[in-house]
Amino acid sequence: MLAKVLQHIRFGHNRSAGIAVLHIREHEIQLLLQSAKEQEAFVSVYPVKEGDWQSAMQEALGNVSKMMALTLIISPAMYQIVQLEKPALDEQELMAALPWQIKDLTDITLENMVLDYIDLPAAPGQPAKINVVVSAKSQLQELIAIVADAKLSLQQILIEEWLIHELPQYADHAALVLMHQPGQDVLLQVIRQGQLQFSRRLRGFNRLHQYNKIELQQGVFDSLLLEIQRSMDYIESQLKLPPVRSIQLLCSGAERTDLVPLFHQAGFSQVQALQLKPELQWAMAIDLNEFWPAIAATASSSWEPAP
């Protein structure tokens, strides 16, 4: 993510002694370290005190080998996503035009925009659409300056929203992934053959991890089911995608294993806890619910072991 426009400020290389993934969250910095010699990975957490993520980030980077390829993951608080019709322009013209296309849809000023996009499938007879992610250049430059001070090799900057598809094993059918992190609205994504087909935030469920089973059954869960069903109906009727045959659940912040039987009782028998694809089985030793973005980022890395 952001590779199209960050090339002038990227300074990483691909040959390294392993992977370091640093995930900036609202209340903590998560760090995953994986050596090139073995698949086993180690995770650590650095609290963000009084909003001072810079100090927490510096502390975390102090534990990263200078021979490792570093990936940064930024939280939704550091970026915005806008969906719009894709202009009929070549790549260079498109990147130049996008800031003007979204300037009234974001609170980031034109001169401070850094953006990238991904293509979305178009419904039959409808124009192609894209999801544009935009971040503040000043904030990204602050991140990169901290990495530079630590004399580390920055490989890529990713966003949480576009990482989920790296985790499960997919068949040809459309799969729905339902993800929740504390303080964030539920993210619903439909993925087919490893490609994002549809993405939507379900508003009003940012406290999903805090409800007990009784509270869930007093209306919260029914409302969640309604929004899921609406999304499934939309992708079939409007996007003309095949029906969703599997729903994978990933809920951070608490053990939400009680949600799976609730889905089954409501007739959603295709719901299961998210299952990692075979090449990520090494991550079973890590709390997937809490560290899934960092785990997913290892799958998107293009590093090579140093000779």
Foldseek 3Di string as FASTA:
>chain_A
DLCVPCVVPAFFDFAFQWEWEWEDDQFWIKIKTAGPVDRAIDIDIFTDPPRPVLVRVLVVLVPDDQRHEYEYEYEVVFKDKDKDFQDPDPPVVSVVCVLVVCVVVDPAHSVQKRKDWDWAAAAVPGGTMIIMMIGGNVVVVSVSVSCVVSNHHYDYYHYLLPQPLLFADADQAKEWEWEADAQAFIWIFIDGPSHTHDIDGDPDCNCVQVDDPVRCVVPVVVVVVVVVVVVQVCCCPGRVGDGHQAYEYAYADHPVQVVQVVCVVVVNPRYDHGDGDPVLPSCVVPDCSVCVRVSSVVSVRNHHYHD
